[in-house]
Each structure stands twice: as structure tokens, then as C-alpha cells.
Amino acid sequence: MKKSSLSKLCALIFIFSVFILITNGCSKEDKKAATDKSQGKLKIVTTTGMITNTTEMIGGDLIQVTGLMGPGVDPHLYKASAGDMRRLSEADIIFYNGLHLEGKMAEVFEQMQGRGIKTVAITKDVNPSLLKSPPGFEGAHDPHIWFDISLWITAAQTIKNSLIQLDTKNQTTYEQNAEKYINELKQLHEYVKNQAEKVPAEKRVLITAHDAFNYFGSAYGFEVRGLQGISTASEAGTADVQSLASFIAERKIPAIFVESSVPQRNIEAVQAAVKSRGFDVEIGGELFSDAMGNPNTPEGTYIGMVKHNIDTIVNSLLE
């Protein structure tokens, strides 16, 4: 090999070696920065999307949140996986709904509490007199409080207070974040009320796949009927379908609604039964009940989900 070629080769090898050293160094620095960034953050595990989003809004950059139940997931039927158990066991605090919403996970939360991990039912500070106790739900309260925004504000305050108890040095930040978010929730409450009032009182009848909207009905003036009960763990029978179909046909209700976390076939069976009675009822659209929409969409946030629901309901009932 010529001397000039050998010199060029040596130079290239030297440059490449320096590049590798710099790259590895940057990679190590990046990893260290990522590690440092995660240090000091509270590790929080949440169940439903509504709790996840609300916790993120209040905790902000001070927390690291893992939500177990994504879009389309029914919390009534959810079972913890091995991966969930690991995430739960590593958490600083666990936020769940309570009121038997996550029925199959009650023992898991008890187990975590026994290990010294703080678990908080975000419904614990809601005035019991404001909770609904529907017949046929084994004497328990209806857990779907997020459909009355005034009750959800209480849940948000519970999350804030729990974070402060665990991380007192950042109390001011949690309080400021919560105040801003709760103001947004108050505006949302007024928005839903104003939208609901566009529908004449006699037409405010909401028919859904399962009985998740009773708090919504009481707060915003709707008569609510669900095909299934409070929990989707109990299947609707033929008698339930026929009874609801007769009600819809007699009242000439223009639209009924499917839910993102409940099979659509249930409502389609009602629609067919109504048609057999000589009346056509439309499926007015999809509502988000026990689960929110996809991430990075408006419906993937609590506020966006609520706006989607009321807009869908009002537009369909007014057609």
C-alpha cells in the first residue's frame, strides 16, 4: 500500500474512532439525563382514563402516571395482568374509582394497601347523600360520578389533596394546577347545562347500552334508560330488550346511543325490536361512558369526552 493511502486510512480510522467515542458519550449522557429527569417524580398508577387524565392535569411535570385501562376497556370486567401487578407494586400511590366500578380488582387494591402502597378511592370525599343507590346493584352506590361534573370536581380535589400529602414540598404547584383545572371543569359544567337546554324538556330522554348516565340525567335534566344495569357484568336478556323497545316506540324517541366500551350489537337488537313495532329509531352515535377516546384526540381527555357526549346527544335528539 502506498504511504499516502496508508496515511489516509489511518486518518479515517482515527476520525471514525473519535465519532464512536462521541456517540457513545452522548448516548450515556442522554440516558443519564433521562434517568435524572425521572428521579423525584411520583410514580402513580390509575385505573380509568378519566382518573388518569385528571391526575395528569393536577400533577403536571411532577408526576409519572401509568393508566391501566385505555380506550374501549370496560372497568367492570377488567382483570389485572402480571404486568399490571408489577406496575402497581412499584407505585408511590394508586388512584382508583371505588364504588365497585373496578369490581374484579378490589382484592388487588387491598393487597397493595397491605404492602404499604397508598391506594386512594377518588370517590371517598363525595357526600354520600349525593350518591345514587339503584335497585339491583347489590346495595352499592352507582360509581359513574364523572357524568355529574360537580361531583367530579370533588374527585379532583381528592386527587390534589392526596398528592400534597405525599409530596408536601410541591404543595403550591399542585394547588395552582388544581385551581386552573377546576375552573375549566366549572366552565364545562355550564357548557353542558346550556347545551342540554337546547333540547325541549319532553324530548330529553337518553337511551344507552348500559345504565351509566344516571348522574348525568339528574344533573342536566334527562330521563335516562339503559339496556343493561349499572354493571356490564350482568347481561341484558330478551325481556330487557323488548321492554326497552316498547318504551322507545311508545314515546317515539328519535335516537338511541351505543357506548365505546359496550358491544354495539346490544343496542342494534333494541333498534330491531323497535322497528318490529312499526317505529324507526336511529342510532344517534357513540358515547364514551366507562372509557375515554383514543390518546391525542379531544375525546381522549375528560373535558373533550364530556363535550363530545353532550354535543352528540343534543344533535341527535334535535334532528
C-alpha atoms as a PDB file:
ATOM      1  CA  MET A   1       0.000   0.000   0.000  1.00  0.00           C
ATOM      2  CA  LYS A   2       1.297   3.452  -0.836  1.00  0.00           C
ATOM      3  CA  LYS A   3       2.372   5.716   2.002  1.00  0.00           C
ATOM      4  CA  SER A   4      -0.271   8.334   1.085  1.00  0.00           C
ATOM      5  CA  SER A   5      -3.048   5.731   1.032  1.00  0.00           C
ATOM      6  CA  LEU A   6      -1.906   4.343   4.370  1.00  0.00           C
ATOM      7  CA  SER A   7      -1.936   7.819   5.849  1.00  0.00           C
ATOM      8  CA  LYS A   8      -5.480   8.431   4.586  1.00  0.00           C
ATOM      9  CA  LEU A   9      -6.644   5.096   6.010  1.00  0.00           C
ATOM     10  CA  CYS A  10      -5.131   5.879   9.405  1.00  0.00           C
ATOM     11  CA  ALA A  11      -6.795   9.281   9.372  1.00  0.00           C
ATOM     12  CA  LEU A  12     -10.183   7.741   8.561  1.00  0.00           C
ATOM     13  CA  ILE A  13      -9.777   5.167  11.337  1.00  0.00           C
ATOM     14  CA  PHE A  14      -8.897   7.935  13.788  1.00  0.00           C
ATOM     15  CA  ILE A  15     -11.915  10.053  12.763  1.00  0.00           C
ATOM     16  CA  PHE A  16     -14.247   7.040  12.993  1.00  0.00           C
ATOM     17  CA  SER A  17     -12.881   6.160  16.459  1.00  0.00           C
ATOM     18  CA  VAL A  18     -13.473   9.700  17.680  1.00  0.00           C
ATOM     19  CA  PHE A  19     -17.004   9.605  16.247  1.00  0.00           C
ATOM     20  CA  ILE A  20     -17.756   6.367  18.107  1.00  0.00           C
ATOM     21  CA  LEU A  21     -16.427   7.804  21.356  1.00  0.00           C
ATOM     22  CA  ILE A  22     -18.503  10.962  20.983  1.00  0.00           C
ATOM     23  CA  THR A  23     -21.627   8.993  20.047  1.00  0.00           C
ATOM     24  CA  ASN A  24     -21.240   6.653  22.995  1.00  0.00           C
ATOM     25  CA  GLY A  25     -20.615   9.579  25.254  1.00  0.00           C
ATOM     26  CA  CYS A  26     -23.761  11.350  24.047  1.00  0.00           C
ATOM     27  CA  SER A  27     -25.747   8.151  24.437  1.00  0.00           C
ATOM     28  CA  LYS A  28     -24.599   7.786  28.023  1.00  0.00           C
ATOM     29  CA  GLU A  29     -25.334  11.445  28.736  1.00  0.00           C
ATOM     30  CA  ASP A  30     -28.795  11.091  27.183  1.00  0.00           C
ATOM     31  CA  LYS A  31     -29.510   8.048  29.325  1.00  0.00           C
ATOM     32  CA  LYS A  32     -28.253   9.829  32.428  1.00  0.00           C
ATOM     33  CA  ALA A  33     -30.420  12.871  31.629  1.00  0.00           C
ATOM     34  CA  ALA A  34     -33.473  10.673  31.130  1.00  0.00           C
ATOM     35  CA  THR A  35     -32.772   8.939  34.427  1.00  0.00           C
ATOM     36  CA  ASP A  36     -32.257  12.246  36.227  1.00  0.00           C
ATOM     37  CA  LYS A  37     -35.477  13.569  34.702  1.00  0.00           C
ATOM     38  CA  SER A  38     -37.500  10.662  36.071  1.00  0.00           C
ATOM     39  CA  GLN A  39     -35.938  10.878  39.511  1.00  0.00           C
ATOM     40  CA  GLY A  40     -38.012  12.721  42.076  1.00  0.00           C
ATOM     41  CA  LYS A  41     -41.266  12.216  40.195  1.00  0.00           C
ATOM     42  CA  LEU A  42     -44.077  10.424  41.960  1.00  0.00           C
ATOM     43  CA  LYS A  43     -44.900   7.105  40.311  1.00  0.00           C
ATOM     44  CA  ILE A  44     -48.676   6.944  40.054  1.00  0.00           C
ATOM     45  CA  VAL A  45     -50.889   4.176  38.718  1.00  0.00           C
ATOM     46  CA  THR A  46     -54.504   4.911  37.821  1.00  0.00           C
ATOM     47  CA  THR A  47     -57.362   2.773  36.589  1.00  0.00           C
ATOM     48  CA  THR A  48     -59.790   4.509  34.194  1.00  0.00           C
ATOM     49  CA  GLY A  49     -58.886   7.140  31.638  1.00  0.00           C
ATOM     50  CA  MET A  50     -60.889   9.830  33.419  1.00  0.00           C
ATOM     51  CA  ILE A  51     -58.805   9.378  36.570  1.00  0.00           C
ATOM     52  CA  THR A  52     -55.587   9.218  34.544  1.00  0.00           C
ATOM     53  CA  ASN A  53     -56.256  12.473  32.704  1.00  0.00           C
ATOM     54  CA  THR A  54     -57.415  14.364  35.786  1.00  0.00           C
ATOM     55  CA  THR A  55     -54.361  13.210  37.743  1.00  0.00           C
ATOM     56  CA  GLU A  56     -52.074  14.342  34.915  1.00  0.00           C
ATOM     57  CA  MET A  57     -53.704  17.772  34.839  1.00  0.00           C
ATOM     58  CA  ILE A  58     -53.180  18.284  38.567  1.00  0.00           C
ATOM     59  CA  GLY A  59     -49.771  16.646  38.915  1.00  0.00           C
ATOM     60  CA  GLY A  60     -48.233  18.087  35.770  1.00  0.00           C
ATOM     61  CA  ASP A  61     -44.484  17.590  35.368  1.00  0.00           C
ATOM     62  CA  LEU A  62     -44.073  16.442  38.958  1.00  0.00           C
ATOM     63  CA  ILE A  63     -45.593  13.020  38.367  1.00  0.00           C
ATOM     64  CA  GLN A  64     -45.269   9.975  36.153  1.00  0.00           C
ATOM     65  CA  VAL A  65     -48.678   8.397  35.514  1.00  0.00           C
ATOM     66  CA  THR A  66     -49.455   4.917  34.219  1.00  0.00           C
ATOM     67  CA  GLY A  67     -53.089   4.300  33.315  1.00  0.00           C
ATOM     68  CA  LEU A  68     -54.201   0.680  33.253  1.00  0.00           C
ATOM     69  CA  MET A  69     -57.442   0.988  31.291  1.00  0.00           C
ATOM     70  CA  GLY A  70     -57.253   2.500  27.834  1.00  0.00           C
ATOM     71  CA  PRO A  71     -59.868   3.334  25.175  1.00  0.00           C
ATOM     72  CA  GLY A  72     -62.702   0.832  24.854  1.00  0.00           C
ATOM     73  CA  VAL A  73     -61.813  -1.014  28.069  1.00  0.00           C
ATOM     74  CA  ASP A  74     -64.700  -1.905  30.365  1.00  0.00           C
ATOM     75  CA  PRO A  75     -63.609  -1.388  34.009  1.00  0.00           C
ATOM     76  CA  HIS A  76     -66.471  -3.538  35.309  1.00  0.00           C
ATOM     77  CA  LEU A  77     -64.874  -6.591  33.661  1.00  0.00           C
ATOM     78  CA  TYR A  78     -61.187  -5.663  33.840  1.00  0.00           C
ATOM     79  CA  LYS A  79     -58.726  -8.145  35.344  1.00  0.00           C
ATOM     80  CA  ALA A  80     -55.201  -7.170  36.353  1.00  0.00           C
ATOM     81  CA  SER A  81     -52.428  -8.757  34.285  1.00  0.00           C
ATOM     82  CA  ALA A  82     -48.988  -9.787  35.567  1.00  0.00           C
ATOM     83  CA  GLY A  83     -47.630  -6.565  34.095  1.00  0.00           C
ATOM     84  CA  ASP A  84     -50.278  -4.563  35.938  1.00  0.00           C
ATOM     85  CA  MET A  85     -49.323  -6.195  39.211  1.00  0.00           C
ATOM     86  CA  ARG A  86     -45.706  -5.163  38.671  1.00  0.00           C
ATOM     87  CA  ARG A  87     -46.721  -1.568  37.892  1.00  0.00           C
ATOM     88  CA  LEU A  88     -48.986  -1.429  40.917  1.00  0.00           C
ATOM     89  CA  SER A  89     -46.310  -2.806  43.222  1.00  0.00           C
ATOM     90  CA  GLU A  90     -43.837  -0.134  42.038  1.00  0.00           C
ATOM     91  CA  ALA A  91     -46.255   2.788  42.510  1.00  0.00           C
ATOM     92  CA  ASP A  92     -45.980   5.502  45.135  1.00  0.00           C
ATOM     93  CA  ILE A  93     -49.743   5.894  45.055  1.00  0.00           C
ATOM     94  CA  ILE A  94     -52.674   4.247  43.272  1.00  0.00           C
ATOM     95  CA  PHE A  95     -55.830   6.161  42.313  1.00  0.00           C
ATOM     96  CA  TYR A  96     -58.965   4.188  41.534  1.00  0.00           C
ATOM     97  CA  ASN A  97     -62.658   4.989  41.349  1.00  0.00           C
ATOM     98  CA  GLY A  98     -64.050   2.753  44.050  1.00  0.00           C
ATOM     99  CA  LEU A  99     -67.806   2.201  44.478  1.00  0.00           C
ATOM    100  CA  HIS A 100     -67.281  -1.237  42.880  1.00  0.00           C
ATOM    101  CA  LEU A 101     -66.504   0.197  39.419  1.00  0.00           C
ATOM    102  CA  GLU A 102     -63.349  -1.924  39.193  1.00  0.00           C
ATOM    103  CA  GLY A 103     -65.196  -4.882  40.677  1.00  0.00           C
ATOM    104  CA  LYS A 104     -62.656  -7.567  39.812  1.00  0.00           C
ATOM    105  CA  MET A 105     -59.713  -5.560  41.193  1.00  0.00           C
ATOM    106  CA  ALA A 106     -60.943  -4.940  44.756  1.00  0.00           C
ATOM    107  CA  GLU A 107     -58.695  -7.680  46.179  1.00  0.00           C
ATOM    108  CA  VAL A 108     -55.721  -6.311  44.251  1.00  0.00           C
ATOM    109  CA  PHE A 109     -56.099  -2.871  45.850  1.00  0.00           C
ATOM    110  CA  GLU A 110     -56.361  -4.484  49.272  1.00  0.00           C
ATOM    111  CA  GLN A 111     -53.192  -6.430  48.561  1.00  0.00           C
ATOM    112  CA  MET A 112     -51.325  -3.268  47.543  1.00  0.00           C
ATOM    113  CA  GLN A 113     -52.506  -1.476  50.678  1.00  0.00           C
ATOM    114  CA  GLY A 114     -51.198  -4.398  52.705  1.00  0.00           C
ATOM    115  CA  ARG A 115     -47.784  -3.898  51.124  1.00  0.00           C
ATOM    116  CA  GLY A 116     -47.702  -0.305  52.333  1.00  0.00           C
ATOM    117  CA  ILE A 117     -48.601   1.268  48.964  1.00  0.00           C
ATOM    118  CA  LYS A 118     -51.062   4.124  49.349  1.00  0.00           C
ATOM    119  CA  THR A 119     -54.324   3.470  47.489  1.00  0.00           C
ATOM    120  CA  VAL A 120     -56.983   6.152  47.178  1.00  0.00           C
ATOM    121  CA  ALA A 121     -60.581   5.805  46.011  1.00  0.00           C
ATOM    122  CA  ILE A 122     -61.190   9.166  44.342  1.00  0.00           C
ATOM    123  CA  THR A 123     -64.877   8.986  45.300  1.00  0.00           C
ATOM    124  CA  LYS A 124     -64.175   8.821  49.033  1.00  0.00           C
ATOM    125  CA  ASP A 125     -64.920  12.504  49.754  1.00  0.00           C
ATOM    126  CA  VAL A 126     -68.167  12.727  47.800  1.00  0.00           C
ATOM    127  CA  ASN A 127     -71.091  13.397  50.126  1.00  0.00           C
ATOM    128  CA  PRO A 128     -72.887  10.021  50.484  1.00  0.00           C
ATOM    129  CA  SER A 129     -76.245  11.783  50.214  1.00  0.00           C
ATOM    130  CA  LEU A 130     -75.326  12.724  46.627  1.00  0.00           C
ATOM    131  CA  LEU A 131     -74.575   9.146  45.609  1.00  0.00           C
ATOM    132  CA  LYS A 132     -77.207   7.095  43.831  1.00  0.00           C
ATOM    133  CA  SER A 133     -78.168   3.638  45.053  1.00  0.00           C
ATOM    134  CA  PRO A 134     -80.044   1.980  42.173  1.00  0.00           C
ATOM    135  CA  PRO A 135     -82.087  -1.165  42.726  1.00  0.00           C
ATOM    136  CA  GLY A 136     -80.452  -4.369  41.575  1.00  0.00           C
ATOM    137  CA  PHE A 137     -76.868  -3.230  42.238  1.00  0.00           C
ATOM    138  CA  GLU A 138     -76.399  -5.272  45.406  1.00  0.00           C
ATOM    139  CA  GLY A 139     -76.968  -2.323  47.706  1.00  0.00           C
ATOM    140  CA  ALA A 140     -73.904  -0.486  46.368  1.00  0.00           C
ATOM    141  CA  HIS A 141     -73.671   3.047  45.005  1.00  0.00           C
ATOM    142  CA  ASP A 142     -73.635   3.917  41.314  1.00  0.00           C
ATOM    143  CA  PRO A 143     -69.938   4.559  40.544  1.00  0.00           C
ATOM    144  CA  HIS A 144     -70.379   6.715  37.404  1.00  0.00           C
ATOM    145  CA  ILE A 145     -69.987  10.032  39.203  1.00  0.00           C
ATOM    146  CA  TRP A 146     -67.862  11.614  36.451  1.00  0.00           C
ATOM    147  CA  PHE A 147     -71.046  12.349  34.483  1.00  0.00           C
ATOM    148  CA  ASP A 148     -72.005  14.982  37.057  1.00  0.00           C
ATOM    149  CA  ILE A 149     -69.174  17.461  36.706  1.00  0.00           C
ATOM    150  CA  SER A 150     -69.847  18.987  40.118  1.00  0.00           C
ATOM    151  CA  LEU A 151     -69.121  15.580  41.701  1.00  0.00           C
ATOM    152  CA  TRP A 152     -66.030  15.138  39.559  1.00  0.00           C
ATOM    153  CA  ILE A 153     -64.701  18.421  40.926  1.00  0.00           C
ATOM    154  CA  THR A 154     -64.809  16.808  44.376  1.00  0.00           C
ATOM    155  CA  ALA A 155     -62.847  13.845  42.992  1.00  0.00           C
ATOM    156  CA  ALA A 156     -60.265  16.233  41.527  1.00  0.00           C
ATOM    157  CA  GLN A 157     -59.855  17.867  44.932  1.00  0.00           C
ATOM    158  CA  THR A 158     -59.305  14.435  46.491  1.00  0.00           C
ATOM    159  CA  ILE A 159     -56.538  13.740  43.977  1.00  0.00           C
ATOM    160  CA  LYS A 160     -54.945  17.117  44.717  1.00  0.00           C
ATOM    161  CA  ASN A 161     -55.044  16.580  48.488  1.00  0.00           C
ATOM    162  CA  SER A 162     -53.578  13.090  48.161  1.00  0.00           C
ATOM    163  CA  LEU A 163     -50.688  14.362  46.051  1.00  0.00           C
ATOM    164  CA  ILE A 164     -49.969  17.106  48.579  1.00  0.00           C
ATOM    165  CA  GLN A 165     -49.937  14.606  51.456  1.00  0.00           C
ATOM    166  CA  LEU A 166     -47.376  12.544  49.591  1.00  0.00           C
ATOM    167  CA  ASP A 167     -45.288  15.443  48.269  1.00  0.00           C
ATOM    168  CA  THR A 168     -45.685  18.421  50.592  1.00  0.00           C
ATOM    169  CA  LYS A 169     -42.763  20.385  49.174  1.00  0.00           C
ATOM    170  CA  ASN A 170     -44.673  20.847  45.905  1.00  0.00           C
ATOM    171  CA  GLN A 171     -47.966  21.818  47.526  1.00  0.00           C
ATOM    172  CA  THR A 172     -48.140  25.204  45.795  1.00  0.00           C
ATOM    173  CA  THR A 173     -47.757  23.685  42.340  1.00  0.00           C
ATOM    174  CA  TYR A 174     -50.450  21.082  42.953  1.00  0.00           C
ATOM    175  CA  GLU A 175     -52.805  23.750  44.299  1.00  0.00           C
ATOM    176  CA  GLN A 176     -52.221  26.043  41.326  1.00  0.00           C
ATOM    177  CA  ASN A 177     -52.680  23.239  38.800  1.00  0.00           C
ATOM    178  CA  ALA A 178     -55.849  22.073  40.540  1.00  0.00           C
ATOM    179  CA  GLU A 179     -57.312  25.574  40.715  1.00  0.00           C
ATOM    180  CA  LYS A 180     -56.771  26.103  36.996  1.00  0.00           C
ATOM    181  CA  TYR A 181     -58.240  22.704  36.093  1.00  0.00           C
ATOM    182  CA  ILE A 182     -61.241  23.040  38.392  1.00  0.00           C
ATOM    183  CA  ASN A 183     -62.045  26.405  36.819  1.00  0.00           C
ATOM    184  CA  GLU A 184     -62.080  24.624  33.456  1.00  0.00           C
ATOM    185  CA  LEU A 185     -64.413  21.987  34.905  1.00  0.00           C
ATOM    186  CA  LYS A 186     -66.785  24.687  36.149  1.00  0.00           C
ATOM    187  CA  GLN A 187     -66.880  26.168  32.660  1.00  0.00           C
ATOM    188  CA  LEU A 188     -67.541  22.685  31.266  1.00  0.00           C
ATOM    189  CA  HIS A 189     -70.449  22.257  33.688  1.00  0.00           C
ATOM    190  CA  GLU A 190     -72.048  25.457  32.369  1.00  0.00           C
ATOM    191  CA  TYR A 191     -71.426  24.369  28.781  1.00  0.00           C
ATOM    192  CA  VAL A 192     -73.229  21.056  29.314  1.00  0.00           C
ATOM    193  CA  LYS A 193     -76.160  22.792  31.025  1.00  0.00           C
ATOM    194  CA  ASN A 194     -76.509  25.268  28.174  1.00  0.00           C
ATOM    195  CA  GLN A 195     -76.334  22.548  25.532  1.00  0.00           C
ATOM    196  CA  ALA A 196     -78.916  20.413  27.336  1.00  0.00           C
ATOM    197  CA  GLU A 197     -81.358  23.318  27.496  1.00  0.00           C
ATOM    198  CA  LYS A 198     -81.435  23.421  23.695  1.00  0.00           C
ATOM    199  CA  VAL A 199     -83.499  20.219  23.808  1.00  0.00           C
ATOM    200  CA  PRO A 200     -87.142  20.684  24.896  1.00  0.00           C
ATOM    201  CA  ALA A 201     -87.724  19.097  28.306  1.00  0.00           C
ATOM    202  CA  GLU A 202     -90.151  16.477  26.941  1.00  0.00           C
ATOM    203  CA  LYS A 203     -87.522  15.308  24.430  1.00  0.00           C
ATOM    204  CA  ARG A 204     -84.709  14.900  26.922  1.00  0.00           C
ATOM    205  CA  VAL A 205     -84.742  11.107  27.016  1.00  0.00           C
ATOM    206  CA  LEU A 206     -81.402   9.315  26.825  1.00  0.00           C
ATOM    207  CA  ILE A 207     -81.303   5.615  25.889  1.00  0.00           C
ATOM    208  CA  THR A 208     -77.891   3.925  26.138  1.00  0.00           C
ATOM    209  CA  ALA A 209     -76.313   0.490  26.210  1.00  0.00           C
ATOM    210  CA  HIS A 210     -75.943   0.333  29.984  1.00  0.00           C
ATOM    211  CA  ASP A 211     -77.106   2.360  32.959  1.00  0.00           C
ATOM    212  CA  ALA A 212     -74.088   4.668  33.209  1.00  0.00           C
ATOM    213  CA  PHE A 213     -75.744   8.061  32.788  1.00  0.00           C
ATOM    214  CA  ASN A 214     -77.969   8.449  35.847  1.00  0.00           C
ATOM    215  CA  TYR A 215     -75.790  11.171  37.393  1.00  0.00           C
ATOM    216  CA  PHE A 216     -75.782  12.927  34.035  1.00  0.00           C
ATOM    217  CA  GLY A 217     -79.575  12.732  33.870  1.00  0.00           C
ATOM    218  CA  SER A 218     -80.067  14.170  37.342  1.00  0.00           C
ATOM    219  CA  ALA A 219     -77.554  16.973  36.834  1.00  0.00           C
ATOM    220  CA  TYR A 220     -78.713  18.100  33.398  1.00  0.00           C
ATOM    221  CA  GLY A 221     -82.399  17.215  33.238  1.00  0.00           C
ATOM    222  CA  PHE A 222     -82.556  13.996  31.189  1.00  0.00           C
ATOM    223  CA  GLU A 223     -84.684  10.923  31.700  1.00  0.00           C
ATOM    224  CA  VAL A 224     -82.242   8.035  31.360  1.00  0.00           C
ATOM    225  CA  ARG A 225     -82.783   4.401  30.421  1.00  0.00           C
ATOM    226  CA  GLY A 226     -80.060   1.788  29.944  1.00  0.00           C
ATOM    227  CA  LEU A 227     -80.401  -1.660  28.391  1.00  0.00           C
ATOM    228  CA  GLN A 228     -78.029  -3.277  30.879  1.00  0.00           C
ATOM    229  CA  GLY A 229     -77.764  -2.420  34.542  1.00  0.00           C
ATOM    230  CA  ILE A 230     -75.170  -0.313  36.339  1.00  0.00           C
ATOM    231  CA  SER A 231     -72.536  -3.012  35.791  1.00  0.00           C
ATOM    232  CA  THR A 232     -71.986  -4.608  32.399  1.00  0.00           C
ATOM    233  CA  ALA A 233     -71.151  -7.840  34.215  1.00  0.00           C
ATOM    234  CA  SER A 234     -74.884  -8.607  34.115  1.00  0.00           C
ATOM    235  CA  GLU A 235     -76.128  -9.461  30.636  1.00  0.00           C
ATOM    236  CA  ALA A 236     -79.338  -7.994  29.234  1.00  0.00           C
ATOM    237  CA  GLY A 237     -81.989 -10.582  28.465  1.00  0.00           C
ATOM    238  CA  THR A 238     -84.681 -10.754  25.799  1.00  0.00           C
ATOM    239  CA  ALA A 239     -87.239  -9.314  28.212  1.00  0.00           C
ATOM    240  CA  ASP A 240     -84.998  -6.288  28.780  1.00  0.00           C
ATOM    241  CA  VAL A 241     -84.712  -5.678  25.032  1.00  0.00           C
ATOM    242  CA  GLN A 242     -88.454  -5.993  24.471  1.00  0.00           C
ATOM    243  CA  SER A 243     -89.346  -3.761  27.402  1.00  0.00           C
ATOM    244  CA  LEU A 244     -86.990  -1.008  26.284  1.00  0.00           C
ATOM    245  CA  ALA A 245     -88.165  -1.303  22.680  1.00  0.00           C
ATOM    246  CA  SER A 246     -91.792  -0.821  23.755  1.00  0.00           C
ATOM    247  CA  PHE A 247     -90.829   2.279  25.748  1.00  0.00           C
ATOM    248  CA  ILE A 248     -88.984   3.793  22.767  1.00  0.00           C
ATOM    249  CA  ALA A 249     -91.809   3.084  20.318  1.00  0.00           C
ATOM    250  CA  GLU A 250     -94.491   4.468  22.650  1.00  0.00           C
ATOM    251  CA  ARG A 251     -92.535   7.654  23.366  1.00  0.00           C
ATOM    252  CA  LYS A 252     -91.336   7.954  19.750  1.00  0.00           C
ATOM    253  CA  ILE A 253     -87.790   8.640  20.856  1.00  0.00           C
ATOM    254  CA  PRO A 254     -85.781   9.621  17.762  1.00  0.00           C
ATOM    255  CA  ALA A 255     -82.339   8.298  18.718  1.00  0.00           C
ATOM    256  CA  ILE A 256     -80.580   5.790  20.940  1.00  0.00           C
ATOM    257  CA  PHE A 257     -76.846   5.535  21.588  1.00  0.00           C
ATOM    258  CA  VAL A 258     -74.068   2.953  21.601  1.00  0.00           C
ATOM    259  CA  GLU A 259     -71.138   3.134  24.000  1.00  0.00           C
ATOM    260  CA  SER A 260     -67.463   2.737  23.155  1.00  0.00           C
ATOM    261  CA  SER A 261     -66.863   0.134  25.877  1.00  0.00           C
ATOM    262  CA  VAL A 262     -70.026  -1.944  25.329  1.00  0.00           C
ATOM    263  CA  PRO A 263     -70.715  -4.192  22.285  1.00  0.00           C
ATOM    264  CA  GLN A 264     -72.826  -2.374  19.681  1.00  0.00           C
ATOM    265  CA  ARG A 265     -74.921  -5.469  18.995  1.00  0.00           C
ATOM    266  CA  ASN A 266     -76.871  -4.882  22.211  1.00  0.00           C
ATOM    267  CA  ILE A 267     -78.278  -1.574  21.018  1.00  0.00           C
ATOM    268  CA  GLU A 268     -78.755  -2.917  17.500  1.00  0.00           C
ATOM    269  CA  ALA A 269     -81.023  -5.603  18.987  1.00  0.00           C
ATOM    270  CA  VAL A 270     -83.109  -2.868  20.591  1.00  0.00           C
ATOM    271  CA  GLN A 271     -83.253  -0.970  17.303  1.00  0.00           C
ATOM    272  CA  ALA A 272     -84.530  -4.071  15.504  1.00  0.00           C
ATOM    273  CA  ALA A 273     -87.148  -4.713  18.197  1.00  0.00           C
ATOM    274  CA  VAL A 274     -88.381  -1.122  17.908  1.00  0.00           C
ATOM    275  CA  LYS A 275     -88.690  -1.483  14.140  1.00  0.00           C
ATOM    276  CA  SER A 276     -90.829  -4.595  14.594  1.00  0.00           C
ATOM    277  CA  ARG A 277     -93.257  -2.333  16.462  1.00  0.00           C
ATOM    278  CA  GLY A 278     -93.627  -0.047  13.457  1.00  0.00           C
ATOM    279  CA  PHE A 279     -91.286   2.739  14.545  1.00  0.00           C
ATOM    280  CA  ASP A 280     -87.788   3.543  13.292  1.00  0.00           C
ATOM    281  CA  VAL A 281     -85.268   4.756  15.837  1.00  0.00           C
ATOM    282  CA  GLU A 282     -81.843   5.919  14.736  1.00  0.00           C
ATOM    283  CA  ILE A 283     -78.541   5.098  16.401  1.00  0.00           C
ATOM    284  CA  GLY A 284     -77.555   8.641  17.234  1.00  0.00           C
ATOM    285  CA  GLY A 285     -73.852   7.983  17.625  1.00  0.00           C
ATOM    286  CA  GLU A 286     -71.249   6.624  20.002  1.00  0.00           C
ATOM    287  CA  LEU A 287     -70.929   7.909  23.546  1.00  0.00           C
ATOM    288  CA  PHE A 288     -67.957   7.471  25.845  1.00  0.00           C
ATOM    289  CA  SER A 289     -69.124   6.075  29.150  1.00  0.00           C
ATOM    290  CA  ASP A 290     -66.670   3.922  31.141  1.00  0.00           C
ATOM    291  CA  ALA A 291     -63.712   4.667  28.865  1.00  0.00           C
ATOM    292  CA  MET A 292     -62.481   7.743  27.031  1.00  0.00           C
ATOM    293  CA  GLY A 293     -61.386   8.130  23.403  1.00  0.00           C
ATOM    294  CA  ASN A 294     -58.016   7.499  21.811  1.00  0.00           C
ATOM    295  CA  PRO A 295     -54.923   9.372  23.022  1.00  0.00           C
ATOM    296  CA  ASN A 296     -54.124  12.669  21.282  1.00  0.00           C
ATOM    297  CA  THR A 297     -57.773  13.252  20.356  1.00  0.00           C
ATOM    298  CA  PRO A 298     -60.198  15.631  22.086  1.00  0.00           C
ATOM    299  CA  GLU A 299     -62.194  12.619  23.310  1.00  0.00           C
ATOM    300  CA  GLY A 300     -59.010  11.263  24.895  1.00  0.00           C
ATOM    301  CA  THR A 301     -59.373  13.878  27.646  1.00  0.00           C
ATOM    302  CA  TYR A 302     -62.067  14.124  30.279  1.00  0.00           C
ATOM    303  CA  ILE A 303     -63.211  17.569  29.116  1.00  0.00           C
ATOM    304  CA  GLY A 304     -63.188  16.552  25.446  1.00  0.00           C
ATOM    305  CA  MET A 305     -65.085  13.349  26.199  1.00  0.00           C
ATOM    306  CA  VAL A 306     -67.837  15.207  28.070  1.00  0.00           C
ATOM    307  CA  LYS A 307     -68.170  17.786  25.283  1.00  0.00           C
ATOM    308  CA  HIS A 308     -68.376  15.040  22.676  1.00  0.00           C
ATOM    309  CA  ASN A 309     -71.112  13.262  24.617  1.00  0.00           C
ATOM    310  CA  ILE A 310     -73.377  16.257  25.170  1.00  0.00           C
ATOM    311  CA  ASP A 311     -72.933  17.507  21.600  1.00  0.00           C
ATOM    312  CA  THR A 312     -73.723  14.052  20.184  1.00  0.00           C
ATOM    313  CA  ILE A 313     -76.797  13.660  22.393  1.00  0.00           C
ATOM    314  CA  VAL A 314     -78.209  17.120  21.668  1.00  0.00           C
ATOM    315  CA  ASN A 315     -77.611  16.996  17.928  1.00  0.00           C
ATOM    316  CA  SER A 316     -79.239  13.565  17.603  1.00  0.00           C
ATOM    317  CA  LEU A 317     -82.308  14.356  19.727  1.00  0.00           C
ATOM    318  CA  LEU A 318     -82.943  17.596  17.835  1.00  0.00           C
ATOM    319  CA  GLU A 319     -82.861  16.023  14.362  1.00  0.00           C
END
